[in-house]
């Protein structure tokens, strides 16, 4: 695929609940129309895909809808990724 590559993936969380750690991104599937991130989930935990267009942006912006964990894999989708760069994280709470 031309024009897409993954340089670095990093995970960050702002807080931890009692027994919930950061979401684990298991795969990233970019295409010209969207980007899909797969994450492992915990039943009942809510997961939100967030993004920045530049790492120097002050805020992470959420991409609705948030998805409730099932205990299995979840697919979180950005249906409007800009070229050439967007940075992602998954917030769990």
Protein backbone atom coordinates (compact mmCIF):
# COMPACT_ATOMS: atom_id res chain seq x y z
CA UNK A 1 0.00 0.00 0.00
CA UNK A 2 1.42 3.37 -0.94
CA UNK A 3 1.53 6.35 1.40
CA UNK A 4 0.88 4.52 4.69
CA UNK A 5 3.38 3.23 7.16
CA UNK A 6 3.67 2.85 10.91
CA UNK A 7 6.79 4.46 12.30
CA UNK A 8 6.20 4.11 16.03
CA UNK A 9 3.36 2.94 18.24
CA UNK A 10 3.30 4.13 21.82
CA UNK A 11 0.76 3.64 24.59
CA UNK A 12 -0.03 6.21 27.23
CA UNK A 13 -2.60 6.42 29.99
CA UNK A 14 -3.44 9.27 32.27
CA UNK A 15 -4.76 7.11 35.08
CA UNK A 16 -5.32 3.57 36.19
CA UNK A 17 -8.38 2.18 37.89
CA UNK A 18 -8.09 -0.58 40.46
CA UNK A 19 -7.53 -3.45 38.11
CA UNK A 20 -7.55 -1.93 34.63
CA UNK A 21 -4.26 -1.35 32.87
CA UNK A 22 -3.71 0.35 29.55
CA UNK A 23 -5.45 -1.06 26.49
CA UNK A 24 -3.20 -3.21 24.32
CA UNK A 25 -3.25 -2.37 20.62
CA UNK A 26 -2.80 -5.68 18.83
CA UNK A 27 -3.04 -4.54 15.19
CA UNK A 28 -3.36 -1.43 13.04
CA UNK A 29 -5.02 -1.65 9.62
CA UNK A 30 -4.68 1.54 7.55
CA UNK A 31 -6.45 2.01 4.23
CA UNK A 32 -7.22 5.07 2.09
CA UNK A 33 -10.73 5.26 3.60
CA UNK A 34 -10.07 4.55 7.30
CA UNK A 35 -7.74 3.27 10.00
CA UNK A 36 -8.82 0.38 12.21
CA UNK A 37 -7.06 -0.39 15.50
CA UNK A 38 -7.68 -3.74 17.18
CA UNK A 39 -7.41 -3.88 20.97
CA UNK A 40 -7.82 -6.59 23.59
CA UNK A 41 -10.71 -5.71 25.89
CA UNK A 42 -11.97 -6.39 29.38
CA UNK A 43 -15.71 -7.07 29.81
CA UNK A 44 -17.58 -3.92 30.86
CA UNK A 45 -14.67 -1.49 30.37
CA UNK A 46 -15.31 1.40 27.93
CA UNK A 47 -12.73 2.03 25.18
CA UNK A 48 -12.38 5.27 23.21
CA UNK A 49 -10.07 5.85 20.24
CA UNK A 50 -8.33 9.23 20.54
CA UNK A 51 -6.05 11.08 18.13
CA UNK A 52 -3.75 14.04 17.55
CA UNK A 53 -2.71 15.31 14.14
CA UNK A 54 0.58 16.55 15.64
CA UNK A 55 2.27 15.36 18.80
CA UNK A 56 2.65 19.01 19.81
CA UNK A 57 -1.17 19.46 19.89
CA UNK A 58 -2.26 20.11 23.46
CA UNK A 59 -5.28 17.77 23.56
CA UNK A 60 -6.17 14.28 22.45
CA UNK A 61 -9.52 14.28 20.62
CA UNK A 62 -12.00 11.42 20.97
CA UNK A 63 -13.47 9.56 18.00
CA UNK A 64 -17.00 8.38 18.74
CA UNK A 65 -18.46 5.98 19.45
CA UNK A 66 -16.91 4.62 22.63
CA UNK A 67 -17.15 0.83 22.74
CA UNK A 68 -17.80 -1.43 25.73
CA UNK A 69 -15.40 -4.33 26.13
CA UNK A 70 -16.58 -7.88 25.57
CA UNK A 71 -13.57 -9.73 26.95
CA UNK A 72 -12.33 -10.31 23.39
CA UNK A 73 -10.90 -8.25 20.56
CA UNK A 74 -12.47 -4.90 19.65
CA UNK A 75 -12.04 -2.91 16.45
CA UNK A 76 -11.94 0.88 16.85
CA UNK A 77 -12.18 2.89 13.64
CA UNK A 78 -11.15 6.35 12.40
CA UNK A 79 -13.27 6.90 9.28
CA UNK A 80 -11.66 10.23 8.36
CA UNK A 81 -7.86 9.92 8.71
CA UNK A 82 -5.99 12.87 7.23
CA UNK A 83 -2.83 12.47 5.19
CA UNK A 84 -0.01 12.11 5.92
CA UNK A 85 0.02 11.65 9.72
CA UNK A 86 -2.25 11.02 12.68
CA UNK A 87 -1.29 9.72 16.13
CA UNK A 88 -3.60 7.42 18.10
CA UNK A 89 -4.13 6.18 21.61
CA UNK A 90 -6.89 4.15 23.23
CA UNK A 91 -8.40 5.38 26.49
CA UNK A 92 -9.95 2.78 28.78
CA UNK A 93 -12.22 3.58 31.73
